[in-house]
Amino acid sequence: MEIISIEARTFDRMLKSLETTARITEDVHKRFCEKKMGEWLDNQEACILLNITPRTLQSLRENGMLAYSQICHKIYYRPEDIQKTLSLLLRRKEEQP
């Protein structure tokens, strides 16, 4: 076993630095992860809201008409992106003869 000795003042500075980093990490996590993930929709919810099939939903993603995020092979959509796409789909239906 190897023992490394450092001055108490150096150890205190290192500890303060680690505590600051931990606090910043917690703040970022609270601000961006916990709050937002509850608002995201999965494929099934998106299909229901847009009244489309999963294949049509895939086409919208592939054509760049619908923004999405993928986490561990699961796809999520923001409600505001679903709303924009819904408005676009409704306009297209109205324009068709």
Protein backbone atom coordinates (compact mmCIF):
# COMPACT_ATOMS: atom_id res chain seq x y z
CA MET A 1 0.00 0.00 0.00
CA GLU A 2 1.33 3.43 -0.95
CA ILE A 3 0.90 6.42 1.36
CA ILE A 4 1.03 9.96 0.03
CA SER A 5 1.20 12.85 2.42
CA ILE A 6 0.21 16.43 1.55
CA GLU A 7 -0.03 19.66 3.48
CA ALA A 8 -3.29 20.34 5.28
CA ARG A 9 -3.71 23.62 3.38
CA THR A 10 -3.38 21.81 0.03
CA PHE A 11 -5.85 19.16 1.16
CA ASP A 12 -8.36 21.85 2.19
CA ARG A 13 -8.08 23.55 -1.22
CA MET A 14 -8.61 20.23 -2.98
CA LEU A 15 -11.63 19.48 -0.81
CA LYS A 16 -13.18 22.91 -1.49
CA SER A 17 -12.63 22.43 -5.20
CA LEU A 18 -14.36 19.05 -5.13
CA GLU A 19 -17.28 20.45 -3.12
CA THR A 20 -17.69 23.30 -5.61
CA THR A 21 -17.66 20.86 -8.52
CA ALA A 22 -20.25 18.66 -6.79
CA ARG A 23 -22.51 21.67 -6.14
CA ILE A 24 -22.27 22.84 -9.75
CA THR A 25 -23.04 19.34 -11.01
CA GLU A 26 -26.11 19.10 -8.76
CA ASP A 27 -27.36 22.52 -9.92
CA VAL A 28 -26.99 21.57 -13.58
CA HIS A 29 -28.74 18.25 -12.99
CA LYS A 30 -31.65 19.89 -11.21
CA ARG A 31 -32.01 22.60 -13.82
CA PHE A 32 -31.89 20.47 -16.95
CA CYS A 33 -32.71 16.84 -16.18
CA GLU A 34 -35.30 16.47 -13.49
CA LYS A 35 -37.56 19.26 -14.64
CA LYS A 36 -37.56 18.59 -18.36
CA MET A 37 -37.73 14.80 -18.63
CA GLY A 38 -41.24 14.69 -17.17
CA GLU A 39 -42.48 16.84 -20.07
CA TRP A 40 -41.13 14.69 -22.92
CA LEU A 41 -43.36 12.33 -24.88
CA ASP A 42 -42.55 8.87 -26.22
CA ASN A 43 -43.49 7.37 -29.61
CA GLN A 44 -46.87 6.06 -28.49
CA GLU A 45 -47.95 9.39 -27.01
CA ALA A 46 -46.75 11.26 -30.09
CA CYS A 47 -48.71 8.94 -32.40
CA ILE A 48 -51.87 9.43 -30.35
CA LEU A 49 -51.54 13.22 -30.26
CA LEU A 50 -50.76 13.51 -33.97
CA ASN A 51 -53.28 10.79 -34.93
CA ILE A 52 -50.72 9.03 -37.12
CA THR A 53 -49.13 5.59 -37.36
CA PRO A 54 -45.66 4.77 -36.01
CA ARG A 55 -44.36 4.51 -39.59
CA THR A 56 -45.62 8.02 -40.42
CA LEU A 57 -43.97 9.26 -37.23
CA GLN A 58 -40.71 7.68 -38.37
CA SER A 59 -41.04 9.39 -41.75
CA LEU A 60 -41.54 12.76 -40.04
CA ARG A 61 -38.32 12.18 -38.07
CA GLU A 62 -36.38 11.04 -41.15
CA ASN A 63 -37.55 14.04 -43.22
CA GLY A 64 -36.53 16.45 -40.47
CA MET A 65 -40.09 17.63 -39.91
CA LEU A 66 -40.14 16.53 -36.28
CA ALA A 67 -37.31 17.12 -33.80
CA TYR A 68 -36.54 14.33 -31.35
CA SER A 69 -33.98 13.04 -28.88
CA GLN A 70 -32.86 9.45 -28.50
CA ILE A 71 -31.78 7.99 -25.18
CA CYS A 72 -30.80 4.32 -25.01
CA HIS A 73 -32.68 3.38 -28.20
CA LYS A 74 -35.86 5.13 -26.99
CA ILE A 75 -37.08 8.23 -28.80
CA TYR A 76 -38.59 11.25 -27.05
CA TYR A 77 -40.33 14.39 -28.33
CA ARG A 78 -40.87 17.79 -26.75
CA PRO A 79 -44.54 18.81 -26.54
CA GLU A 80 -43.83 22.10 -28.37
CA ASP A 81 -42.31 20.17 -31.31
CA ILE A 82 -45.38 17.93 -31.44
CA GLN A 83 -47.58 21.03 -31.47
CA LYS A 84 -45.64 22.57 -34.38
CA THR A 85 -45.89 19.34 -36.35
CA LEU A 86 -49.60 19.05 -35.60
CA SER A 87 -50.18 22.57 -36.92
CA LEU A 88 -48.20 21.73 -40.05
CA LEU A 89 -50.15 18.50 -40.64
CA LEU A 90 -53.49 20.29 -40.18
CA ARG A 91 -52.51 23.00 -42.70
CA ARG A 92 -51.51 20.36 -45.23
CA LYS A 93 -54.85 18.58 -44.84
CA GLU A 94 -56.74 21.86 -45.37
CA GLU A 95 -54.72 22.65 -48.53
CA GLN A 96 -55.45 19.29 -50.14
CA PRO A 97 -58.38 19.27 -52.60
